[in-house]
Protein backbone atom coordinates (compact mmCIF):
# COMPACT_ATOMS: atom_id res chain seq x y z
CA MET A 1 0.00 0.00 0.00
CA ASP A 2 1.27 3.45 -0.92
CA ASP A 3 0.68 5.39 2.33
CA GLU A 4 0.98 8.81 0.70
CA LYS A 5 -1.51 7.99 -2.06
CA PHE A 6 -3.87 6.35 0.46
CA ASN A 7 -3.70 9.39 2.76
CA MET A 8 -4.39 11.86 -0.07
CA SER A 9 -7.29 9.78 -1.39
CA MET A 10 -8.80 9.47 2.09
CA ARG A 11 -8.49 13.22 2.73
CA LYS A 12 -10.21 13.96 -0.59
CA PHE A 13 -13.06 11.59 0.28
CA LEU A 14 -13.47 12.99 3.80
CA LYS A 15 -13.51 16.56 2.46
CA GLN A 16 -16.28 15.59 0.04
CA VAL A 17 -18.22 13.91 2.87
CA GLY A 18 -17.85 16.96 5.11
CA VAL A 19 -18.88 19.51 2.49
CA THR A 20 -21.84 17.57 1.13
CA SER A 21 -23.02 16.58 4.62
CA GLN A 22 -23.00 20.19 5.77
CA GLN A 23 -24.97 21.25 2.69
CA GLN A 24 -27.58 18.55 3.25
CA ILE A 25 -27.96 19.34 6.96
CA GLU A 26 -28.35 23.07 6.23
CA LYS A 27 -30.98 22.35 3.56
CA ALA A 28 -32.91 19.96 5.81
CA VAL A 29 -32.93 22.46 8.69
CA ARG A 30 -34.09 25.28 6.38
CA ASP A 31 -36.79 23.08 4.83
CA SER A 32 -38.01 21.97 8.26
CA GLY A 33 -38.62 25.55 9.40
CA LYS A 34 -36.92 24.79 12.70
CA SER A 35 -34.97 27.80 13.93
CA SER A 36 -33.98 27.01 17.51
CA GLY A 37 -33.10 24.10 19.73
CA THR A 38 -31.09 21.15 18.54
CA VAL A 39 -31.15 18.66 15.70
CA ALA A 40 -30.18 15.06 16.35
CA VAL A 41 -27.90 13.66 13.65
CA LYS A 42 -26.45 10.26 12.90
CA VAL A 43 -23.82 9.25 10.38
CA VAL A 44 -23.17 5.64 9.41
CA LEU A 45 -19.90 4.96 7.63
CA SER A 46 -19.58 1.59 6.00
CA GLY A 47 -16.83 -0.01 4.00
CA PRO A 48 -18.02 -3.49 3.07
CA ASP A 49 -14.75 -4.39 1.33
CA VAL A 50 -12.84 -4.07 4.63
CA GLY A 51 -15.55 -4.95 7.17
CA LEU A 52 -16.02 -1.36 8.37
CA GLU A 53 -19.20 -0.24 10.11
CA HIS A 54 -18.85 2.96 12.17
CA THR A 55 -21.65 5.11 13.60
CA VAL A 56 -21.35 8.65 14.93
CA GLU A 57 -24.31 10.28 16.67
CA GLY A 58 -24.64 13.80 17.98
CA GLU A 59 -26.62 17.00 18.15
CA ILE A 60 -26.28 20.25 16.29
CA ASP A 61 -27.27 23.37 18.24
CA LEU A 62 -29.31 25.79 16.14
CA GLY A 63 -28.71 28.62 18.60
């Protein structure tokens, strides 16, 4: 495995995930009409080829 190539590819993927996830969350919040409180969120990351299943749950404060 080429560690440098792997690292760059992973960073590119994670950047895409971060940007698109933020856009989708912002759109969903706007569309919901909710303007205060919190929004529960959950992300499931899976990589079937390597047996990966990782879940992250949290809340986003709308202020």
